[in-house]
Amino acid sequence: MELALNLPSNIQMERKKFQKMVFIANALDQGWSVKKSQDSYIFTKKHEGRREIFQENYLENFIVHNATSTDFFSK
């Protein structure tokens, strides 16, 4: 089923908002769940009931990968 949307052909938005959309889309593609609470985004991912200990640089790697990945555009 294809959904027809009446969108303008030349959509413009703030760079920061676009980067946020790409970041969230990449995280969703990697199996993360994203919820928004007031002005914050909460990222969660099931780990099959296991307790996980993340390396010190895990958050930095998560941000870099999801902010720079081009997976969103290849679909």
PDB file of N, CA and C in Angstrom:
ATOM      1  N   MET A   1       0.838  -1.174   0.000  1.00  0.00           N
ATOM      2  CA  MET A   1       0.000   0.000   0.000  1.00  0.00           C
ATOM      3  C   MET A   1       0.882   1.235   0.000  1.00  0.00           C
ATOM      4  N   GLU A   2       0.614   2.118  -0.899  1.00  0.00           N
ATOM      5  CA  GLU A   2       1.386   3.351  -0.993  1.00  0.00           C
ATOM      6  C   GLU A   2       0.524   4.506  -0.511  1.00  0.00           C
ATOM      7  N   LEU A   3       1.087   5.336   0.321  1.00  0.00           N
ATOM      8  CA  LEU A   3       0.387   6.480   0.882  1.00  0.00           C
ATOM      9  C   LEU A   3       0.795   7.726   0.111  1.00  0.00           C
ATOM     10  N   ALA A   4      -0.181   8.421  -0.411  1.00  0.00           N
ATOM     11  CA  ALA A   4       0.101   9.648  -1.167  1.00  0.00           C
ATOM     12  C   ALA A   4       0.039  10.842  -0.224  1.00  0.00           C
ATOM     13  N   LEU A   5       1.141  11.556  -0.137  1.00  0.00           N
ATOM     14  CA  LEU A   5       1.207  12.754   0.695  1.00  0.00           C
ATOM     15  C   LEU A   5       1.377  13.970  -0.197  1.00  0.00           C
ATOM     16  N   ASN A   6       0.712  15.021   0.146  1.00  0.00           N
ATOM     17  CA  ASN A   6       0.855  16.273  -0.599  1.00  0.00           C
ATOM     18  C   ASN A   6       1.911  17.136   0.087  1.00  0.00           C
ATOM     19  N   LEU A   7       3.164  16.856  -0.234  1.00  0.00           N
ATOM     20  CA  LEU A   7       4.271  17.599   0.353  1.00  0.00           C
ATOM     21  C   LEU A   7       4.864  18.539  -0.686  1.00  0.00           C
ATOM     22  N   PRO A   8       5.369  19.678  -0.246  1.00  0.00           N
ATOM     23  CA  PRO A   8       6.032  20.568  -1.197  1.00  0.00           C
ATOM     24  C   PRO A   8       7.260  19.876  -1.780  1.00  0.00           C
ATOM     25  N   SER A   9       7.592  20.186  -3.013  1.00  0.00           N
ATOM     26  CA  SER A   9       8.727  19.528  -3.665  1.00  0.00           C
ATOM     27  C   SER A   9      10.073  20.028  -3.142  1.00  0.00           C
ATOM     28  N   ASN A  10      10.098  21.190  -2.538  1.00  0.00           N
ATOM     29  CA  ASN A  10      11.341  21.760  -2.037  1.00  0.00           C
ATOM     30  C   ASN A  10      11.196  22.038  -0.541  1.00  0.00           C
ATOM     31  N   ILE A  11      11.390  21.005   0.269  1.00  0.00           N
ATOM     32  CA  ILE A  11      11.244  21.144   1.717  1.00  0.00           C
ATOM     33  C   ILE A  11      12.540  21.705   2.296  1.00  0.00           C
ATOM     34  N   GLN A  12      12.409  22.708   3.150  1.00  0.00           N
ATOM     35  CA  GLN A  12      13.570  23.282   3.816  1.00  0.00           C
ATOM     36  C   GLN A  12      13.347  23.207   5.318  1.00  0.00           C
ATOM     37  N   MET A  13      14.426  22.902   6.051  1.00  0.00           N
ATOM     38  CA  MET A  13      14.348  22.874   7.507  1.00  0.00           C
ATOM     39  C   MET A  13      15.701  23.254   8.085  1.00  0.00           C
ATOM     40  N   GLU A  14      15.694  23.538   9.367  1.00  0.00           N
ATOM     41  CA  GLU A  14      16.934  23.893  10.049  1.00  0.00           C
ATOM     42  C   GLU A  14      17.880  22.701  10.044  1.00  0.00           C
ATOM     43  N   ARG A  15      19.153  22.978   9.900  1.00  0.00           N
ATOM     44  CA  ARG A  15      20.165  21.914   9.868  1.00  0.00           C
ATOM     45  C   ARG A  15      20.130  21.075  11.146  1.00  0.00           C
ATOM     46  N   LYS A  16      19.987  21.728  12.294  1.00  0.00           N
ATOM     47  CA  LYS A  16      19.981  21.016  13.576  1.00  0.00           C
ATOM     48  C   LYS A  16      18.809  20.032  13.640  1.00  0.00           C
ATOM     49  N   LYS A  17      17.643  20.439  13.180  1.00  0.00           N
ATOM     50  CA  LYS A  17      16.470  19.570  13.189  1.00  0.00           C
ATOM     51  C   LYS A  17      16.677  18.378  12.247  1.00  0.00           C
ATOM     52  N   PHE A  18      17.271  18.624  11.075  1.00  0.00           N
ATOM     53  CA  PHE A  18      17.538  17.552  10.120  1.00  0.00           C
ATOM     54  C   PHE A  18      18.532  16.545  10.703  1.00  0.00           C
ATOM     55  N   GLN A  19      19.602  17.036  11.337  1.00  0.00           N
ATOM     56  CA  GLN A  19      20.591  16.151  11.949  1.00  0.00           C
ATOM     57  C   GLN A  19      19.954  15.299  13.043  1.00  0.00           C
ATOM     58  N   LYS A  20      19.046  15.891  13.812  1.00  0.00           N
ATOM     59  CA  LYS A  20      18.350  15.155  14.862  1.00  0.00           C
ATOM     60  C   LYS A  20      17.497  14.039  14.252  1.00  0.00           C
ATOM     61  N   MET A  21      16.815  14.334  13.149  1.00  0.00           N
ATOM     62  CA  MET A  21      15.983  13.324  12.479  1.00  0.00           C
ATOM     63  C   MET A  21      16.833  12.163  11.966  1.00  0.00           C
ATOM     64  N   VAL A  22      17.969  12.463  11.363  1.00  0.00           N
ATOM     65  CA  VAL A  22      18.860  11.417  10.850  1.00  0.00           C
ATOM     66  C   VAL A  22      19.404  10.579  12.003  1.00  0.00           C
ATOM     67  N   PHE A  23      19.811  11.232  13.083  1.00  0.00           N
ATOM     68  CA  PHE A  23      20.346  10.537  14.253  1.00  0.00           C
ATOM     69  C   PHE A  23      19.320   9.554  14.807  1.00  0.00           C
ATOM     70  N   ILE A  24      18.091  10.005  14.989  1.00  0.00           N
ATOM     71  CA  ILE A  24      17.033   9.151  15.538  1.00  0.00           C
ATOM     72  C   ILE A  24      16.699   8.019  14.574  1.00  0.00           C
ATOM     73  N   ALA A  25      16.625   8.305  13.280  1.00  0.00           N
ATOM     74  CA  ALA A  25      16.334   7.260  12.289  1.00  0.00           C
ATOM     75  C   ALA A  25      17.419   6.187  12.298  1.00  0.00           C
ATOM     76  N   ASN A  26      18.682   6.582  12.398  1.00  0.00           N
ATOM     77  CA  ASN A  26      19.774   5.608  12.452  1.00  0.00           C
ATOM     78  C   ASN A  26      19.686   4.751  13.709  1.00  0.00           C
ATOM     79  N   ALA A  27      19.373   5.358  14.841  1.00  0.00           N
ATOM     80  CA  ALA A  27      19.236   4.593  16.083  1.00  0.00           C
ATOM     81  C   ALA A  27      18.081   3.600  15.979  1.00  0.00           C
ATOM     82  N   LEU A  28      16.958   4.012  15.410  1.00  0.00           N
ATOM     83  CA  LEU A  28      15.818   3.110  15.229  1.00  0.00           C
ATOM     84  C   LEU A  28      16.193   1.940  14.327  1.00  0.00           C
ATOM     85  N   ASP A  29      16.942   2.205  13.269  1.00  0.00           N
ATOM     86  CA  ASP A  29      17.379   1.142  12.357  1.00  0.00           C
ATOM     87  C   ASP A  29      18.282   0.129  13.051  1.00  0.00           C
ATOM     88  N   GLN A  30      18.960   0.535  14.114  1.00  0.00           N
ATOM     89  CA  GLN A  30      19.840  -0.367  14.855  1.00  0.00           C
ATOM     90  C   GLN A  30      19.121  -1.060  16.009  1.00  0.00           C
ATOM     91  N   GLY A  31      17.804  -0.905  16.081  1.00  0.00           N
ATOM     92  CA  GLY A  31      17.035  -1.621  17.093  1.00  0.00           C
ATOM     93  C   GLY A  31      16.773  -0.868  18.380  1.00  0.00           C
ATOM     94  N   TRP A  32      17.133   0.386  18.437  1.00  0.00           N
ATOM     95  CA  TRP A  32      16.879   1.188  19.629  1.00  0.00           C
ATOM     96  C   TRP A  32      15.437   1.672  19.622  1.00  0.00           C
ATOM     97  N   SER A  33      14.876   1.869  20.804  1.00  0.00           N
ATOM     98  CA  SER A  33      13.578   2.524  20.962  1.00  0.00           C
ATOM     99  C   SER A  33      13.856   3.952  21.404  1.00  0.00           C
ATOM    100  N   VAL A  34      13.046   4.875  20.918  1.00  0.00           N
ATOM    101  CA  VAL A  34      13.259   6.279  21.258  1.00  0.00           C
ATOM    102  C   VAL A  34      11.952   6.855  21.775  1.00  0.00           C
ATOM    103  N   LYS A  35      12.022   7.463  22.951  1.00  0.00           N
ATOM    104  CA  LYS A  35      10.866   8.155  23.524  1.00  0.00           C
ATOM    105  C   LYS A  35      11.295   9.579  23.842  1.00  0.00           C
ATOM    106  N   LYS A  36      10.329  10.483  23.749  1.00  0.00           N
ATOM    107  CA  LYS A  36      10.622  11.874  24.094  1.00  0.00           C
ATOM    108  C   LYS A  36       9.872  12.207  25.370  1.00  0.00           C
ATOM    109  N   SER A  37      10.586  12.779  26.318  1.00  0.00           N
ATOM    110  CA  SER A  37      10.010  13.210  27.582  1.00  0.00           C
ATOM    111  C   SER A  37      10.382  14.680  27.769  1.00  0.00           C
ATOM    112  N   GLN A  38       9.405  15.548  27.625  1.00  0.00           N
ATOM    113  CA  GLN A  38       9.610  16.993  27.651  1.00  0.00           C
ATOM    114  C   GLN A  38      10.637  17.375  26.591  1.00  0.00           C
ATOM    115  N   ASP A  39      11.811  17.838  26.983  1.00  0.00           N
ATOM    116  CA  ASP A  39      12.826  18.252  26.008  1.00  0.00           C
ATOM    117  C   ASP A  39      13.945  17.229  25.841  1.00  0.00           C
ATOM    118  N   SER A  40      13.769  16.028  26.390  1.00  0.00           N
ATOM    119  CA  SER A  40      14.816  15.007  26.337  1.00  0.00           C
ATOM    120  C   SER A  40      14.366  13.801  25.533  1.00  0.00           C
ATOM    121  N   TYR A  41      15.322  13.154  24.879  1.00  0.00           N
ATOM    122  CA  TYR A  41      15.071  11.904  24.174  1.00  0.00           C
ATOM    123  C   TYR A  41      15.678  10.775  24.997  1.00  0.00           C
ATOM    124  N   ILE A  42      14.935   9.679  25.135  1.00  0.00           N
ATOM    125  CA  ILE A  42      15.390   8.532  25.908  1.00  0.00           C
ATOM    126  C   ILE A  42      15.565   7.362  24.948  1.00  0.00           C
ATOM    127  N   PHE A  43      16.790   6.843  24.864  1.00  0.00           N
ATOM    128  CA  PHE A  43      17.115   5.727  23.982  1.00  0.00           C
ATOM    129  C   PHE A  43      17.240   4.459  24.821  1.00  0.00           C
ATOM    130  N   THR A  44      16.514   3.409  24.442  1.00  0.00           N
ATOM    131  CA  THR A  44      16.610   2.129  25.139  1.00  0.00           C
ATOM    132  C   THR A  44      16.736   1.013  24.112  1.00  0.00           C
ATOM    133  N   LYS A  45      17.370  -0.072  24.553  1.00  0.00           N
ATOM    134  CA  LYS A  45      17.526  -1.231  23.678  1.00  0.00           C
ATOM    135  C   LYS A  45      17.504  -2.478  24.547  1.00  0.00           C
ATOM    136  N   LYS A  46      16.703  -3.453  24.162  1.00  0.00           N
ATOM    137  CA  LYS A  46      16.633  -4.699  24.918  1.00  0.00           C
ATOM    138  C   LYS A  46      17.911  -5.490  24.690  1.00  0.00           C
ATOM    139  N   HIS A  47      18.395  -6.092  25.756  1.00  0.00           N
ATOM    140  CA  HIS A  47      19.622  -6.882  25.696  1.00  0.00           C
ATOM    141  C   HIS A  47      19.346  -8.308  26.165  1.00  0.00           C
ATOM    142  N   GLU A  48      18.193  -8.851  25.770  1.00  0.00           N
ATOM    143  CA  GLU A  48      17.805 -10.226  26.085  1.00  0.00           C
ATOM    144  C   GLU A  48      17.894 -10.514  27.577  1.00  0.00           C
ATOM    145  N   GLY A  49      17.528  -9.560  28.403  1.00  0.00           N
ATOM    146  CA  GLY A  49      17.517  -9.746  29.846  1.00  0.00           C
ATOM    147  C   GLY A  49      18.893  -9.758  30.489  1.00  0.00           C
ATOM    148  N   ARG A  50      19.941  -9.563  29.715  1.00  0.00           N
ATOM    149  CA  ARG A  50      21.295  -9.567  30.262  1.00  0.00           C
ATOM    150  C   ARG A  50      21.633  -8.193  30.820  1.00  0.00           C
ATOM    151  N   ARG A  51      22.478  -8.195  31.801  1.00  0.00           N
ATOM    152  CA  ARG A  51      23.019  -6.934  32.285  1.00  0.00           C
ATOM    153  C   ARG A  51      24.246  -6.622  31.447  1.00  0.00           C
ATOM    154  N   GLU A  52      24.318  -5.426  30.949  1.00  0.00           N
ATOM    155  CA  GLU A  52      25.432  -5.045  30.085  1.00  0.00           C
ATOM    156  C   GLU A  52      26.254  -3.951  30.766  1.00  0.00           C
ATOM    157  N   ILE A  53      27.532  -4.085  30.672  1.00  0.00           N
ATOM    158  CA  ILE A  53      28.439  -3.045  31.155  1.00  0.00           C
ATOM    159  C   ILE A  53      29.120  -2.465  29.924  1.00  0.00           C
ATOM    160  N   PHE A  54      28.937  -1.194  29.743  1.00  0.00           N
ATOM    161  CA  PHE A  54      29.452  -0.548  28.543  1.00  0.00           C
ATOM    162  C   PHE A  54      30.811   0.082  28.818  1.00  0.00           C
ATOM    163  N   GLN A  55      31.636   0.096  27.797  1.00  0.00           N
ATOM    164  CA  GLN A  55      32.940   0.728  27.911  1.00  0.00           C
ATOM    165  C   GLN A  55      32.757   2.229  28.101  1.00  0.00           C
ATOM    166  N   GLU A  56      33.779   2.841  28.605  1.00  0.00           N
ATOM    167  CA  GLU A  56      33.730   4.273  28.901  1.00  0.00           C
ATOM    168  C   GLU A  56      33.394   5.104  27.668  1.00  0.00           C
ATOM    169  N   ASN A  57      33.828   4.670  26.501  1.00  0.00           N
ATOM    170  CA  ASN A  57      33.609   5.455  25.288  1.00  0.00           C
ATOM    171  C   ASN A  57      32.354   5.018  24.529  1.00  0.00           C
ATOM    172  N   TYR A  58      31.504   4.196  25.133  1.00  0.00           N
ATOM    173  CA  TYR A  58      30.315   3.691  24.436  1.00  0.00           C
ATOM    174  C   TYR A  58      29.401   4.822  23.976  1.00  0.00           C
ATOM    175  N   LEU A  59      29.097   5.762  24.858  1.00  0.00           N
ATOM    176  CA  LEU A  59      28.202   6.865  24.509  1.00  0.00           C
ATOM    177  C   LEU A  59      28.790   7.705  23.374  1.00  0.00           C
ATOM    178  N   GLU A  60      30.070   7.975  23.455  1.00  0.00           N
ATOM    179  CA  GLU A  60      30.717   8.748  22.391  1.00  0.00           C
ATOM    180  C   GLU A  60      30.616   8.008  21.054  1.00  0.00           C
ATOM    181  N   ASN A  61      30.889   6.701  21.051  1.00  0.00           N
ATOM    182  CA  ASN A  61      30.792   5.913  19.816  1.00  0.00           C
ATOM    183  C   ASN A  61      29.361   5.867  19.296  1.00  0.00           C
ATOM    184  N   PHE A  62      28.391   5.733  20.191  1.00  0.00           N
ATOM    185  CA  PHE A  62      26.977   5.716  19.814  1.00  0.00           C
ATOM    186  C   PHE A  62      26.602   7.018  19.103  1.00  0.00           C
ATOM    187  N   ILE A  63      27.017   8.126  19.664  1.00  0.00           N
ATOM    188  CA  ILE A  63      26.695   9.433  19.087  1.00  0.00           C
ATOM    189  C   ILE A  63      27.398   9.616  17.743  1.00  0.00           C
ATOM    190  N   VAL A  64      28.676   9.299  17.677  1.00  0.00           N
ATOM    191  CA  VAL A  64      29.424   9.472  16.426  1.00  0.00           C
ATOM    192  C   VAL A  64      28.837   8.596  15.329  1.00  0.00           C
ATOM    193  N   HIS A  65      28.561   7.325  15.630  1.00  0.00           N
ATOM    194  CA  HIS A  65      28.040   6.417  14.606  1.00  0.00           C
ATOM    195  C   HIS A  65      26.680   6.880  14.089  1.00  0.00           C
ATOM    196  N   ASN A  66      25.777   7.233  14.980  1.00  0.00           N
ATOM    197  CA  ASN A  66      24.436   7.607  14.560  1.00  0.00           C
ATOM    198  C   ASN A  66      24.371   8.996  13.942  1.00  0.00           C
ATOM    199  N   ALA A  67      25.318   9.840  14.261  1.00  0.00           N
ATOM    200  CA  ALA A  67      25.326  11.182  13.677  1.00  0.00           C
ATOM    201  C   ALA A  67      25.993  11.195  12.306  1.00  0.00           C
ATOM    202  N   THR A  68      26.872  10.230  12.045  1.00  0.00           N
ATOM    203  CA  THR A  68      27.620  10.253  10.790  1.00  0.00           C
ATOM    204  C   THR A  68      27.238   9.141   9.827  1.00  0.00           C
ATOM    205  N   SER A  69      26.439   8.199  10.267  1.00  0.00           N
ATOM    206  CA  SER A  69      26.055   7.076   9.405  1.00  0.00           C
ATOM    207  C   SER A  69      25.194   7.563   8.248  1.00  0.00           C
ATOM    208  N   THR A  70      25.415   6.988   7.086  1.00  0.00           N
ATOM    209  CA  THR A  70      24.613   7.332   5.911  1.00  0.00           C
ATOM    210  C   THR A  70      23.598   6.241   5.595  1.00  0.00           C
ATOM    211  N   ASP A  71      23.382   5.306   6.525  1.00  0.00           N
ATOM    212  CA  ASP A  71      22.413   4.226   6.317  1.00  0.00           C
ATOM    213  C   ASP A  71      21.029   4.772   6.006  1.00  0.00           C
ATOM    214  N   PHE A  72      20.670   5.870   6.626  1.00  0.00           N
ATOM    215  CA  PHE A  72      19.350   6.476   6.456  1.00  0.00           C
ATOM    216  C   PHE A  72      19.084   6.820   4.994  1.00  0.00           C
ATOM    217  N   PHE A  73      20.110   7.220   4.264  1.00  0.00           N
ATOM    218  CA  PHE A  73      19.946   7.661   2.883  1.00  0.00           C
ATOM    219  C   PHE A  73      20.021   6.523   1.872  1.00  0.00           C
ATOM    220  N   SER A  74      20.487   5.364   2.296  1.00  0.00           N
ATOM    221  CA  SER A  74      20.664   4.264   1.350  1.00  0.00           C
ATOM    222  C   SER A  74      19.432   3.384   1.234  1.00  0.00           C
ATOM    223  N   LYS A  75      18.349   3.754   1.872  1.00  0.00           N
ATOM    224  CA  LYS A  75      17.128   2.946   1.829  1.00  0.00           C
ATOM    225  C   LYS A  75      16.118   3.530   0.899  1.00  0.00           C
TER     226      LYS A  75
END
